[in-house]
Amino acid sequence: MKKVFVTGATGLLGTNVVIKLLKYGYSVIALVRKKSGYLGEKNENLTLIEGNLSADLSLYLEEVDYIIHIAAETRQDLLTYDEYRKVNYDLTLNLLVHAKANRVKKFLFVSSANTMGFGSEAEPGNEKTVQKYPFTKSLYAQSKREAENFLLQNRKNIEVIILNPTFMIGAYDSKPSSGKIIFWAWKKKLIFYPKGGKNFVHVEDAADGVISAIEKGKNGERYLLANENLSYKNFFRKINKITGRYRLMIPIPNIVLSILGGVGDGLRKLNVKTNLSTPNMKALQIRNYYANQKSVAELGVHYQSIDKAIEDALEYFKNKK
């Protein structure tokens, strides 16, 4: 039985990855902050380890075949690049050092689609598209991109594969994180939406892509895990249709978002934490679209509709009340 070490096992993607690894017959060691945070079922082939990435993990990597590194700093309100870098870059390097010392075969790094350049609906971005503004100014995206570059340049004695999911939705979104966009539209009477759009993917499909990369992923390659390119307007229409609650939808003018971004920039200079910033508000105004041909062709991922992803997320929220 092949053994996999997984970080970030209590998050949306991490939970789905661990559940599927166990289903497919892998033995899993999952690093978690608290064992109680794991939402999946107990399994004789699952070992939960409480700890953090700054610790010496060598003991847990003995006889491990693969590492899937999902844990990351994703909050959008941090004020400095170093706050992202020390988690998304420094701790990734620390894990790679331990992986090499323990002769781990493959290191799978879950990054972000925004380290690549987005495109239009007619010509969506792909693995070869160069990163574009506003993500060149996103502290989070830049920390992920720096980690990618280091890993790809230091592949001696270990295979490195980069996975780049887009906006994931589905079950086991306990916080919720990305699912807030669904929960909000489901519960509110008015929906204010930006004029941009993005690529959405069912988290189950992203998890399948990650696991498929263990066997099928090529050393030194990056894979977009992406599915449907939708404007925010059309995405919220889907939620309205699926929930049967047709909310009044009001577009947010781009100028309003730009002003909010400027206000956020000012607050940040005063050391006030906020999700508002010019890059973040600009990201809501663009059509942030990507293609999935490479993951389909090389990893064999079969993507479900976003309607199914929304339904699964809503069902999870209802069950958890």
C-alpha atoms as a PDB file:
ATOM      1  CA  MET A   1       0.000   0.000   0.000  1.00  0.00           C
ATOM      2  CA  LYS A   2       1.465   3.333  -1.073  1.00  0.00           C
ATOM      3  CA  LYS A   3       1.790   5.971   1.629  1.00  0.00           C
ATOM      4  CA  VAL A   4       0.918   9.650   1.176  1.00  0.00           C
ATOM      5  CA  PHE A   5       1.639  12.578   3.492  1.00  0.00           C
ATOM      6  CA  VAL A   6      -0.956  15.376   3.174  1.00  0.00           C
ATOM      7  CA  THR A   7      -0.898  18.912   4.578  1.00  0.00           C
ATOM      8  CA  GLY A   8      -3.966  21.126   4.864  1.00  0.00           C
ATOM      9  CA  ALA A   9      -6.206  18.118   5.450  1.00  0.00           C
ATOM     10  CA  THR A  10      -8.943  20.074   7.253  1.00  0.00           C
ATOM     11  CA  GLY A  11      -9.605  22.544   4.444  1.00  0.00           C
ATOM     12  CA  LEU A  12     -12.069  22.235   1.568  1.00  0.00           C
ATOM     13  CA  LEU A  13      -9.661  20.643  -0.906  1.00  0.00           C
ATOM     14  CA  GLY A  14      -7.628  18.782   1.711  1.00  0.00           C
ATOM     15  CA  THR A  15     -10.653  17.000   3.150  1.00  0.00           C
ATOM     16  CA  ASN A  16     -11.812  15.899  -0.288  1.00  0.00           C
ATOM     17  CA  VAL A  17      -8.303  14.738  -1.222  1.00  0.00           C
ATOM     18  CA  VAL A  18      -7.921  12.626   1.936  1.00  0.00           C
ATOM     19  CA  ILE A  19     -11.364  11.044   1.516  1.00  0.00           C
ATOM     20  CA  LYS A  20     -10.576  10.088  -2.073  1.00  0.00           C
ATOM     21  CA  LEU A  21      -7.064   8.814  -1.270  1.00  0.00           C
ATOM     22  CA  LEU A  22      -8.545   6.416   1.266  1.00  0.00           C
ATOM     23  CA  LYS A  23     -11.235   5.379  -1.219  1.00  0.00           C
ATOM     24  CA  TYR A  24      -8.567   4.594  -3.817  1.00  0.00           C
ATOM     25  CA  GLY A  25      -6.557   2.449  -1.399  1.00  0.00           C
ATOM     26  CA  TYR A  26      -3.753   4.720  -0.249  1.00  0.00           C
ATOM     27  CA  SER A  27      -2.394   4.895   3.290  1.00  0.00           C
ATOM     28  CA  VAL A  28      -2.575   8.510   4.479  1.00  0.00           C
ATOM     29  CA  ILE A  29      -0.723  10.542   7.096  1.00  0.00           C
ATOM     30  CA  ALA A  30      -2.460  13.917   7.445  1.00  0.00           C
ATOM     31  CA  LEU A  31      -0.907  16.894   9.199  1.00  0.00           C
ATOM     32  CA  VAL A  32      -3.573  18.920  11.025  1.00  0.00           C
ATOM     33  CA  ARG A  33      -3.638  21.645  13.647  1.00  0.00           C
ATOM     34  CA  LYS A  34      -6.362  19.833  15.568  1.00  0.00           C
ATOM     35  CA  LYS A  35      -7.600  16.304  14.973  1.00  0.00           C
ATOM     36  CA  SER A  36     -11.134  17.474  15.718  1.00  0.00           C
ATOM     37  CA  GLY A  37     -10.950  19.724  12.645  1.00  0.00           C
ATOM     38  CA  TYR A  38     -10.941  16.781  10.244  1.00  0.00           C
ATOM     39  CA  LEU A  39     -14.440  16.270   8.802  1.00  0.00           C
ATOM     40  CA  GLY A  40     -14.045  12.877   7.179  1.00  0.00           C
ATOM     41  CA  GLU A  41     -14.723   9.499   8.751  1.00  0.00           C
ATOM     42  CA  LYS A  42     -12.212   7.499  10.758  1.00  0.00           C
ATOM     43  CA  ASN A  43     -10.256   4.944   8.758  1.00  0.00           C
ATOM     44  CA  GLU A  44      -7.648   2.355   9.696  1.00  0.00           C
ATOM     45  CA  ASN A  45      -5.456   3.655   6.878  1.00  0.00           C
ATOM     46  CA  LEU A  46      -5.606   7.268   8.090  1.00  0.00           C
ATOM     47  CA  THR A  47      -3.241   8.711  10.694  1.00  0.00           C
ATOM     48  CA  LEU A  48      -3.892  12.255  11.879  1.00  0.00           C
ATOM     49  CA  ILE A  49      -0.850  14.113  13.211  1.00  0.00           C
ATOM     50  CA  GLU A  50      -1.274  17.327  15.168  1.00  0.00           C
ATOM     51  CA  GLY A  51       1.494  19.776  14.352  1.00  0.00           C
ATOM     52  CA  ASN A  52       2.647  22.500  12.004  1.00  0.00           C
ATOM     53  CA  LEU A  53       4.910  22.828   9.000  1.00  0.00           C
ATOM     54  CA  SER A  54       7.681  24.580  10.918  1.00  0.00           C
ATOM     55  CA  ALA A  55       8.350  21.433  12.973  1.00  0.00           C
ATOM     56  CA  ASP A  56      10.775  18.636  12.105  1.00  0.00           C
ATOM     57  CA  LEU A  57       8.519  16.269  10.168  1.00  0.00           C
ATOM     58  CA  SER A  58      11.189  13.700   9.326  1.00  0.00           C
ATOM     59  CA  LEU A  59       9.743  11.086  11.693  1.00  0.00           C
ATOM     60  CA  TYR A  60       6.419  11.126   9.842  1.00  0.00           C
ATOM     61  CA  LEU A  61       7.981  10.969   6.379  1.00  0.00           C
ATOM     62  CA  GLU A  62       9.697   7.612   6.860  1.00  0.00           C
ATOM     63  CA  GLU A  63       8.611   5.254   4.066  1.00  0.00           C
ATOM     64  CA  VAL A  64       6.319   7.940   2.599  1.00  0.00           C
ATOM     65  CA  ASP A  65       6.052   7.659  -1.188  1.00  0.00           C
ATOM     66  CA  TYR A  66       4.339  10.965  -1.988  1.00  0.00           C
ATOM     67  CA  ILE A  67       3.715  14.357  -0.415  1.00  0.00           C
ATOM     68  CA  ILE A  68       0.647  16.437  -1.298  1.00  0.00           C
ATOM     69  CA  HIS A  69       1.221  19.932   0.057  1.00  0.00           C
ATOM     70  CA  ILE A  70      -2.076  21.825   0.243  1.00  0.00           C
ATOM     71  CA  ALA A  71      -1.712  23.946   3.400  1.00  0.00           C
ATOM     72  CA  ALA A  72      -1.325  27.658   2.655  1.00  0.00           C
ATOM     73  CA  GLU A  73      -1.932  31.167   3.884  1.00  0.00           C
ATOM     74  CA  THR A  74      -4.927  32.288   1.835  1.00  0.00           C
ATOM     75  CA  ARG A  75      -6.398  35.172   3.821  1.00  0.00           C
ATOM     76  CA  GLN A  76      -6.704  38.335   1.747  1.00  0.00           C
ATOM     77  CA  ASP A  77      -6.369  40.869   4.562  1.00  0.00           C
ATOM     78  CA  LEU A  78      -2.692  40.430   5.474  1.00  0.00           C
ATOM     79  CA  LEU A  79      -0.628  43.587   5.091  1.00  0.00           C
ATOM     80  CA  THR A  80       2.855  42.473   4.035  1.00  0.00           C
ATOM     81  CA  TYR A  81       4.364  40.063   1.549  1.00  0.00           C
ATOM     82  CA  ASP A  82       6.492  38.470   4.280  1.00  0.00           C
ATOM     83  CA  GLU A  83       3.331  37.286   6.063  1.00  0.00           C
ATOM     84  CA  TYR A  84       2.426  35.233   2.985  1.00  0.00           C
ATOM     85  CA  ARG A  85       5.974  34.266   2.112  1.00  0.00           C
ATOM     86  CA  LYS A  86       6.860  32.706   5.471  1.00  0.00           C
ATOM     87  CA  VAL A  87       4.005  30.191   5.048  1.00  0.00           C
ATOM     88  CA  ASN A  88       3.587  29.723   1.315  1.00  0.00           C
ATOM     89  CA  TYR A  89       7.295  29.848   0.447  1.00  0.00           C
ATOM     90  CA  ASP A  90       9.520  29.294   3.499  1.00  0.00           C
ATOM     91  CA  LEU A  91       7.542  26.392   4.958  1.00  0.00           C
ATOM     92  CA  THR A  92       7.193  24.795   1.528  1.00  0.00           C
ATOM     93  CA  LEU A  93      10.979  24.822   1.219  1.00  0.00           C
ATOM     94  CA  ASN A  94      11.290  23.307   4.676  1.00  0.00           C
ATOM     95  CA  LEU A  95       8.953  20.493   3.668  1.00  0.00           C
ATOM     96  CA  LEU A  96      10.896  19.888   0.447  1.00  0.00           C
ATOM     97  CA  VAL A  97      14.151  19.552   2.407  1.00  0.00           C
ATOM     98  CA  HIS A  98      12.585  16.911   4.666  1.00  0.00           C
ATOM     99  CA  ALA A  99      11.077  15.171   1.640  1.00  0.00           C
ATOM    100  CA  LYS A 100      14.455  14.832  -0.052  1.00  0.00           C
ATOM    101  CA  ALA A 101      16.136  13.672   3.154  1.00  0.00           C
ATOM    102  CA  ASN A 102      13.565  10.893   3.452  1.00  0.00           C
ATOM    103  CA  ARG A 103      13.749   9.978  -0.239  1.00  0.00           C
ATOM    104  CA  VAL A 104      10.127  10.782  -0.984  1.00  0.00           C
ATOM    105  CA  LYS A 105       9.430   9.995  -4.643  1.00  0.00           C
ATOM    106  CA  LYS A 106       7.084  12.841  -5.597  1.00  0.00           C
ATOM    107  CA  PHE A 107       6.245  16.270  -4.193  1.00  0.00           C
ATOM    108  CA  LEU A 108       2.848  17.581  -5.325  1.00  0.00           C
ATOM    109  CA  PHE A 109       2.356  21.274  -4.639  1.00  0.00           C
ATOM    110  CA  VAL A 110      -1.137  22.755  -4.744  1.00  0.00           C
ATOM    111  CA  SER A 111      -0.799  26.340  -5.914  1.00  0.00           C
ATOM    112  CA  SER A 112      -3.286  28.711  -7.559  1.00  0.00           C
ATOM    113  CA  ALA A 113      -4.550  29.289 -11.083  1.00  0.00           C
ATOM    114  CA  ASN A 114      -3.705  32.945 -10.581  1.00  0.00           C
ATOM    115  CA  THR A 115       0.017  32.239 -10.898  1.00  0.00           C
ATOM    116  CA  MET A 116      -0.803  31.864 -14.600  1.00  0.00           C
ATOM    117  CA  GLY A 117      -2.213  34.415 -16.979  1.00  0.00           C
ATOM    118  CA  PHE A 118      -5.983  34.482 -17.383  1.00  0.00           C
ATOM    119  CA  GLY A 119      -7.704  34.896 -20.730  1.00  0.00           C
ATOM    120  CA  SER A 120     -11.060  35.606 -22.323  1.00  0.00           C
ATOM    121  CA  GLU A 121     -13.974  33.271 -22.925  1.00  0.00           C
ATOM    122  CA  ALA A 122     -12.829  32.829 -26.519  1.00  0.00           C
ATOM    123  CA  GLU A 123      -9.159  32.377 -25.572  1.00  0.00           C
ATOM    124  CA  PRO A 124      -8.888  31.322 -21.924  1.00  0.00           C
ATOM    125  CA  GLY A 125      -5.555  31.222 -20.145  1.00  0.00           C
ATOM    126  CA  ASN A 126      -3.541  28.016 -19.922  1.00  0.00           C
ATOM    127  CA  GLU A 127      -0.356  26.640 -18.367  1.00  0.00           C
ATOM    128  CA  LYS A 128       1.809  28.598 -20.814  1.00  0.00           C
ATOM    129  CA  THR A 129       0.126  31.984 -20.331  1.00  0.00           C
ATOM    130  CA  VAL A 130       2.227  34.506 -18.437  1.00  0.00           C
ATOM    131  CA  GLN A 131       0.785  35.846 -15.184  1.00  0.00           C
ATOM    132  CA  LYS A 132      -1.039  39.169 -15.552  1.00  0.00           C
ATOM    133  CA  TYR A 133      -2.130  42.142 -13.479  1.00  0.00           C
ATOM    134  CA  PRO A 134      -3.841  42.305 -11.006  1.00  0.00           C
ATOM    135  CA  PHE A 135      -2.415  38.982  -9.828  1.00  0.00           C
ATOM    136  CA  THR A 136       1.140  40.208 -10.363  1.00  0.00           C
ATOM    137  CA  LYS A 137       0.323  42.560  -7.469  1.00  0.00           C
ATOM    138  CA  SER A 138      -1.503  39.987  -5.347  1.00  0.00           C
ATOM    139  CA  LEU A 139       0.662  39.171  -2.332  1.00  0.00           C
ATOM    140  CA  TYR A 140      -0.896  35.715  -2.078  1.00  0.00           C
ATOM    141  CA  ALA A 141      -0.477  34.853  -5.771  1.00  0.00           C
ATOM    142  CA  GLN A 142       3.100  36.115  -5.797  1.00  0.00           C
ATOM    143  CA  SER A 143       4.061  33.986  -2.789  1.00  0.00           C
ATOM    144  CA  LYS A 144       2.642  30.941  -4.540  1.00  0.00           C
ATOM    145  CA  ARG A 145       4.437  31.797  -7.761  1.00  0.00           C
ATOM    146  CA  GLU A 146       7.763  32.188  -5.927  1.00  0.00           C
ATOM    147  CA  ALA A 147       7.288  28.780  -4.310  1.00  0.00           C
ATOM    148  CA  GLU A 148       6.459  27.210  -7.688  1.00  0.00           C
ATOM    149  CA  ASN A 149       9.612  28.611  -9.250  1.00  0.00           C
ATOM    150  CA  PHE A 150      11.814  27.329  -6.445  1.00  0.00           C
ATOM    151  CA  LEU A 151      10.314  23.848  -6.523  1.00  0.00           C
ATOM    152  CA  LEU A 152      10.658  23.561 -10.293  1.00  0.00           C
ATOM    153  CA  GLN A 153      14.286  24.702 -10.123  1.00  0.00           C
ATOM    154  CA  ASN A 154      15.177  22.266  -7.335  1.00  0.00           C
ATOM    155  CA  ARG A 155      13.841  18.954  -8.601  1.00  0.00           C
ATOM    156  CA  LYS A 156      17.066  17.023  -8.153  1.00  0.00           C
ATOM    157  CA  ASN A 157      16.413  13.645  -6.497  1.00  0.00           C
ATOM    158  CA  ILE A 158      12.647  14.225  -6.321  1.00  0.00           C
ATOM    159  CA  GLU A 159       9.816  14.663  -8.818  1.00  0.00           C
ATOM    160  CA  VAL A 160       7.847  17.905  -8.517  1.00  0.00           C
ATOM    161  CA  ILE A 161       4.340  18.417  -9.895  1.00  0.00           C
ATOM    162  CA  ILE A 162       2.347  21.661  -9.564  1.00  0.00           C
ATOM    163  CA  LEU A 163      -1.455  21.661  -9.415  1.00  0.00           C
ATOM    164  CA  ASN A 164      -3.271  24.954 -10.065  1.00  0.00           C
ATOM    165  CA  PRO A 165      -6.972  24.816  -9.137  1.00  0.00           C
ATOM    166  CA  THR A 166      -9.374  27.645  -9.926  1.00  0.00           C
ATOM    167  CA  PHE A 167     -12.253  28.656  -7.616  1.00  0.00           C
ATOM    168  CA  MET A 168     -13.378  25.441  -5.895  1.00  0.00           C
ATOM    169  CA  ILE A 169     -16.861  24.775  -4.529  1.00  0.00           C
ATOM    170  CA  GLY A 170     -18.519  21.704  -3.100  1.00  0.00           C
ATOM    171  CA  ALA A 171     -19.024  19.735   0.102  1.00  0.00           C
ATOM    172  CA  TYR A 172     -16.874  19.837   3.260  1.00  0.00           C
ATOM    173  CA  ASP A 173     -16.500  23.612   3.131  1.00  0.00           C
ATOM    174  CA  SER A 174     -16.734  23.902   6.894  1.00  0.00           C
ATOM    175  CA  LYS A 175     -15.657  27.508   7.487  1.00  0.00           C
ATOM    176  CA  PRO A 176     -17.093  28.177   4.831  1.00  0.00           C
ATOM    177  CA  SER A 177     -14.286  29.527   2.636  1.00  0.00           C
ATOM    178  CA  SER A 178     -15.046  29.717  -1.081  1.00  0.00           C
ATOM    179  CA  GLY A 179     -18.565  28.558  -0.269  1.00  0.00           C
ATOM    180  CA  LYS A 180     -19.335  31.926   1.299  1.00  0.00           C
ATOM    181  CA  ILE A 181     -20.268  33.175  -2.152  1.00  0.00           C
ATOM    182  CA  ILE A 182     -22.980  30.490  -2.370  1.00  0.00           C
ATOM    183  CA  PHE A 183     -24.132  30.797   1.222  1.00  0.00           C
ATOM    184  CA  TRP A 184     -24.421  34.568   0.884  1.00  0.00           C
ATOM    185  CA  ALA A 185     -26.447  34.421  -2.341  1.00  0.00           C
ATOM    186  CA  TRP A 186     -28.680  31.731  -0.858  1.00  0.00           C
ATOM    187  CA  LYS A 187     -29.534  33.665   2.285  1.00  0.00           C
ATOM    188  CA  LYS A 188     -29.634  37.316   1.175  1.00  0.00           C
ATOM    189  CA  LYS A 189     -32.634  39.034  -0.396  1.00  0.00           C
ATOM    190  CA  LEU A 190     -30.481  41.222  -2.632  1.00  0.00           C
ATOM    191  CA  ILE A 191     -27.459  40.077  -4.629  1.00  0.00           C
ATOM    192  CA  PHE A 192     -24.882  42.734  -5.475  1.00  0.00           C
ATOM    193  CA  TYR A 193     -22.498  41.320  -8.056  1.00  0.00           C
ATOM    194  CA  PRO A 194     -19.345  42.626  -9.769  1.00  0.00           C
ATOM    195  CA  LYS A 195     -19.184  42.752 -13.556  1.00  0.00           C
ATOM    196  CA  GLY A 196     -16.251  40.361 -13.872  1.00  0.00           C
ATOM    197  CA  GLY A 197     -16.148  36.581 -13.824  1.00  0.00           C
ATOM    198  CA  LYS A 198     -13.950  33.608 -13.009  1.00  0.00           C
ATOM    199  CA  ASN A 199     -13.437  29.924 -13.569  1.00  0.00           C
ATOM    200  CA  PHE A 200     -15.258  27.554 -11.219  1.00  0.00           C
ATOM    201  CA  VAL A 201     -14.492  23.890 -10.529  1.00  0.00           C
ATOM    202  CA  HIS A 202     -16.129  21.194  -8.407  1.00  0.00           C
ATOM    203  CA  VAL A 203     -13.768  20.477  -5.506  1.00  0.00           C
ATOM    204  CA  GLU A 204     -14.258  16.741  -6.052  1.00  0.00           C
ATOM    205  CA  ASP A 205     -12.829  17.116  -9.554  1.00  0.00           C
ATOM    206  CA  ALA A 206      -9.896  19.173  -8.268  1.00  0.00           C
ATOM    207  CA  ALA A 207      -9.230  16.424  -5.711  1.00  0.00           C
ATOM    208  CA  ASP A 208      -9.348  13.778  -8.449  1.00  0.00           C
ATOM    209  CA  GLY A 209      -6.864  15.842 -10.455  1.00  0.00           C
ATOM    210  CA  VAL A 210      -4.471  16.023  -7.529  1.00  0.00           C
ATOM    211  CA  ILE A 211      -4.638  12.279  -6.914  1.00  0.00           C
ATOM    212  CA  SER A 212      -4.381  11.430 -10.612  1.00  0.00           C
ATOM    213  CA  ALA A 213      -1.195  13.505 -10.741  1.00  0.00           C
ATOM    214  CA  ILE A 214       0.442  11.025  -8.369  1.00  0.00           C
ATOM    215  CA  GLU A 215       0.539   8.396 -11.095  1.00  0.00           C
ATOM    216  CA  LYS A 216       0.036  10.376 -14.303  1.00  0.00           C
ATOM    217  CA  GLY A 217       1.558  13.776 -13.601  1.00  0.00           C
ATOM    218  CA  LYS A 218       4.829  14.582 -15.327  1.00  0.00           C
ATOM    219  CA  ASN A 219       7.859  15.811 -13.454  1.00  0.00           C
ATOM    220  CA  GLY A 220       8.264  19.588 -13.704  1.00  0.00           C
ATOM    221  CA  GLU A 221       4.790  20.211 -15.145  1.00  0.00           C
ATOM    222  CA  ARG A 222       1.952  22.471 -14.011  1.00  0.00           C
ATOM    223  CA  TYR A 223      -1.701  21.488 -14.391  1.00  0.00           C
ATOM    224  CA  LEU A 224      -4.724  23.780 -14.310  1.00  0.00           C
ATOM    225  CA  LEU A 225      -7.666  22.162 -12.542  1.00  0.00           C
ATOM    226  CA  ALA A 226     -10.438  24.228 -14.085  1.00  0.00           C
ATOM    227  CA  ASN A 227     -13.915  23.850 -15.518  1.00  0.00           C
ATOM    228  CA  GLU A 228     -16.597  26.448 -16.287  1.00  0.00           C
ATOM    229  CA  ASN A 229     -15.864  30.089 -17.103  1.00  0.00           C
ATOM    230  CA  LEU A 230     -18.771  32.149 -15.828  1.00  0.00           C
ATOM    231  CA  SER A 231     -19.542  35.783 -15.199  1.00  0.00           C
ATOM    232  CA  TYR A 232     -20.587  36.468 -11.611  1.00  0.00           C
ATOM    233  CA  LYS A 233     -24.015  37.377 -12.966  1.00  0.00           C
ATOM    234  CA  ASN A 234     -24.474  33.969 -14.574  1.00  0.00           C
ATOM    235  CA  PHE A 235     -23.053  32.191 -11.539  1.00  0.00           C
ATOM    236  CA  PHE A 236     -25.577  33.846  -9.229  1.00  0.00           C
ATOM    237  CA  ARG A 237     -28.335  33.053 -11.715  1.00  0.00           C
ATOM    238  CA  LYS A 238     -27.414  29.399 -11.331  1.00  0.00           C
ATOM    239  CA  ILE A 239     -27.732  29.663  -7.559  1.00  0.00           C
ATOM    240  CA  ASN A 240     -31.128  31.357  -7.925  1.00  0.00           C
ATOM    241  CA  LYS A 241     -32.343  28.603 -10.228  1.00  0.00           C
ATOM    242  CA  ILE A 242     -31.037  25.745  -8.077  1.00  0.00           C
ATOM    243  CA  THR A 243     -32.391  27.182  -4.814  1.00  0.00           C
ATOM    244  CA  GLY A 244     -35.651  28.353  -6.355  1.00  0.00           C
ATOM    245  CA  ARG A 245     -35.143  31.706  -4.678  1.00  0.00           C
ATOM    246  CA  TYR A 246     -35.019  34.397  -7.320  1.00  0.00           C
ATOM    247  CA  ARG A 247     -33.259  37.289  -5.649  1.00  0.00           C
ATOM    248  CA  LEU A 248     -33.036  40.793  -7.038  1.00  0.00           C
ATOM    249  CA  MET A 249     -29.611  41.130  -8.679  1.00  0.00           C
ATOM    250  CA  ILE A 250     -27.878  44.511  -8.803  1.00  0.00           C
ATOM    251  CA  PRO A 251     -24.544  45.073 -10.620  1.00  0.00           C
ATOM    252  CA  ILE A 252     -21.768  46.949  -8.820  1.00  0.00           C
ATOM    253  CA  PRO A 253     -20.235  49.649 -11.076  1.00  0.00           C
ATOM    254  CA  ASN A 254     -16.506  49.222 -11.650  1.00  0.00           C
ATOM    255  CA  ILE A 255     -15.894  52.756 -10.419  1.00  0.00           C
ATOM    256  CA  VAL A 256     -17.346  51.802  -7.029  1.00  0.00           C
ATOM    257  CA  LEU A 257     -14.994  48.837  -6.768  1.00  0.00           C
ATOM    258  CA  SER A 258     -12.048  51.029  -7.763  1.00  0.00           C
ATOM    259  CA  ILE A 259     -12.929  53.549  -5.062  1.00  0.00           C
ATOM    260  CA  LEU A 260     -13.210  50.765  -2.487  1.00  0.00           C
ATOM    261  CA  GLY A 261      -9.802  49.510  -3.572  1.00  0.00           C
ATOM    262  CA  GLY A 262      -8.312  52.948  -3.012  1.00  0.00           C
ATOM    263  CA  VAL A 263      -9.912  53.154   0.422  1.00  0.00           C
ATOM    264  CA  GLY A 264      -8.434  49.752   1.249  1.00  0.00           C
ATOM    265  CA  ASP A 265      -4.974  50.869   0.125  1.00  0.00           C
ATOM    266  CA  GLY A 266      -5.229  53.812   2.490  1.00  0.00           C
ATOM    267  CA  LEU A 267      -6.332  51.642   5.404  1.00  0.00           C
ATOM    268  CA  ARG A 268      -3.476  49.248   4.774  1.00  0.00           C
ATOM    269  CA  LYS A 269      -0.968  52.101   4.975  1.00  0.00           C
ATOM    270  CA  LEU A 270      -2.401  52.744   8.439  1.00  0.00           C
ATOM    271  CA  ASN A 271      -1.809  49.055   9.296  1.00  0.00           C
ATOM    272  CA  VAL A 272      -5.532  48.280   9.292  1.00  0.00           C
ATOM    273  CA  LYS A 273      -6.277  44.746   8.107  1.00  0.00           C
ATOM    274  CA  THR A 274      -8.848  44.660   5.322  1.00  0.00           C
ATOM    275  CA  ASN A 275      -9.780  42.550   2.304  1.00  0.00           C
ATOM    276  CA  LEU A 276     -10.031  45.768   0.312  1.00  0.00           C
ATOM    277  CA  SER A 277      -7.139  46.682  -1.972  1.00  0.00           C
ATOM    278  CA  THR A 278      -6.741  47.877  -5.544  1.00  0.00           C
ATOM    279  CA  PRO A 279      -5.574  44.432  -6.833  1.00  0.00           C
ATOM    280  CA  ASN A 280      -8.403  42.603  -5.039  1.00  0.00           C
ATOM    281  CA  MET A 281     -11.069  44.969  -6.357  1.00  0.00           C
ATOM    282  CA  LYS A 282      -9.601  44.894  -9.858  1.00  0.00           C
ATOM    283  CA  ALA A 283      -9.802  41.078  -9.785  1.00  0.00           C
ATOM    284  CA  LEU A 284     -13.592  41.386  -9.434  1.00  0.00           C
ATOM    285  CA  GLN A 285     -13.799  43.526 -12.570  1.00  0.00           C
ATOM    286  CA  ILE A 286     -11.998  41.202 -14.983  1.00  0.00           C
ATOM    287  CA  ARG A 287     -13.025  37.962 -16.691  1.00  0.00           C
ATOM    288  CA  ASN A 288     -10.580  35.602 -14.991  1.00  0.00           C
ATOM    289  CA  TYR A 289     -10.933  32.633 -17.372  1.00  0.00           C
ATOM    290  CA  TYR A 290      -8.863  29.455 -17.815  1.00  0.00           C
ATOM    291  CA  ALA A 291      -8.761  26.234 -19.876  1.00  0.00           C
ATOM    292  CA  ASN A 292      -8.534  22.622 -18.658  1.00  0.00           C
ATOM    293  CA  GLN A 293      -7.370  20.741 -21.760  1.00  0.00           C
ATOM    294  CA  LYS A 294      -4.043  19.670 -20.271  1.00  0.00           C
ATOM    295  CA  SER A 295      -5.541  18.136 -17.120  1.00  0.00           C
ATOM    296  CA  VAL A 296      -8.145  16.330 -19.226  1.00  0.00           C
ATOM    297  CA  ALA A 297      -5.592  14.967 -21.697  1.00  0.00           C
ATOM    298  CA  GLU A 298      -2.736  14.081 -19.331  1.00  0.00           C
ATOM    299  CA  LEU A 299      -4.430  13.453 -15.983  1.00  0.00           C
ATOM    300  CA  GLY A 300      -7.713  12.078 -17.307  1.00  0.00           C
ATOM    301  CA  VAL A 301      -9.878  14.348 -15.155  1.00  0.00           C
ATOM    302  CA  HIS A 302     -13.606  14.187 -15.876  1.00  0.00           C
ATOM    303  CA  TYR A 303     -15.231  17.454 -14.820  1.00  0.00           C
ATOM    304  CA  GLN A 304     -18.737  17.678 -13.394  1.00  0.00           C
ATOM    305  CA  SER A 305     -21.029  20.619 -14.018  1.00  0.00           C
ATOM    306  CA  ILE A 306     -20.897  23.623 -11.721  1.00  0.00           C
ATOM    307  CA  ASP A 307     -24.611  23.118 -11.115  1.00  0.00           C
ATOM    308  CA  LYS A 308     -23.666  19.833  -9.402  1.00  0.00           C
ATOM    309  CA  ALA A 309     -20.972  21.599  -7.375  1.00  0.00           C
ATOM    310  CA  ILE A 310     -23.464  24.215  -6.197  1.00  0.00           C
ATOM    311  CA  GLU A 311     -26.006  21.516  -5.327  1.00  0.00           C
ATOM    312  CA  ASP A 312     -23.418  19.567  -3.321  1.00  0.00           C
ATOM    313  CA  ALA A 313     -22.302  22.692  -1.456  1.00  0.00           C
ATOM    314  CA  LEU A 314     -25.896  23.625  -0.609  1.00  0.00           C
ATOM    315  CA  GLU A 315     -26.695  20.105   0.549  1.00  0.00           C
ATOM    316  CA  TYR A 316     -23.656  20.161   2.819  1.00  0.00           C
ATOM    317  CA  PHE A 317     -24.651  23.537   4.285  1.00  0.00           C
ATOM    318  CA  LYS A 318     -28.217  22.305   4.873  1.00  0.00           C
ATOM    319  CA  ASN A 319     -27.028  19.147   6.611  1.00  0.00           C
ATOM    320  CA  LYS A 320     -24.700  21.156   8.826  1.00  0.00           C
ATOM    321  CA  LYS A 321     -27.406  23.789   9.428  1.00  0.00           C
END
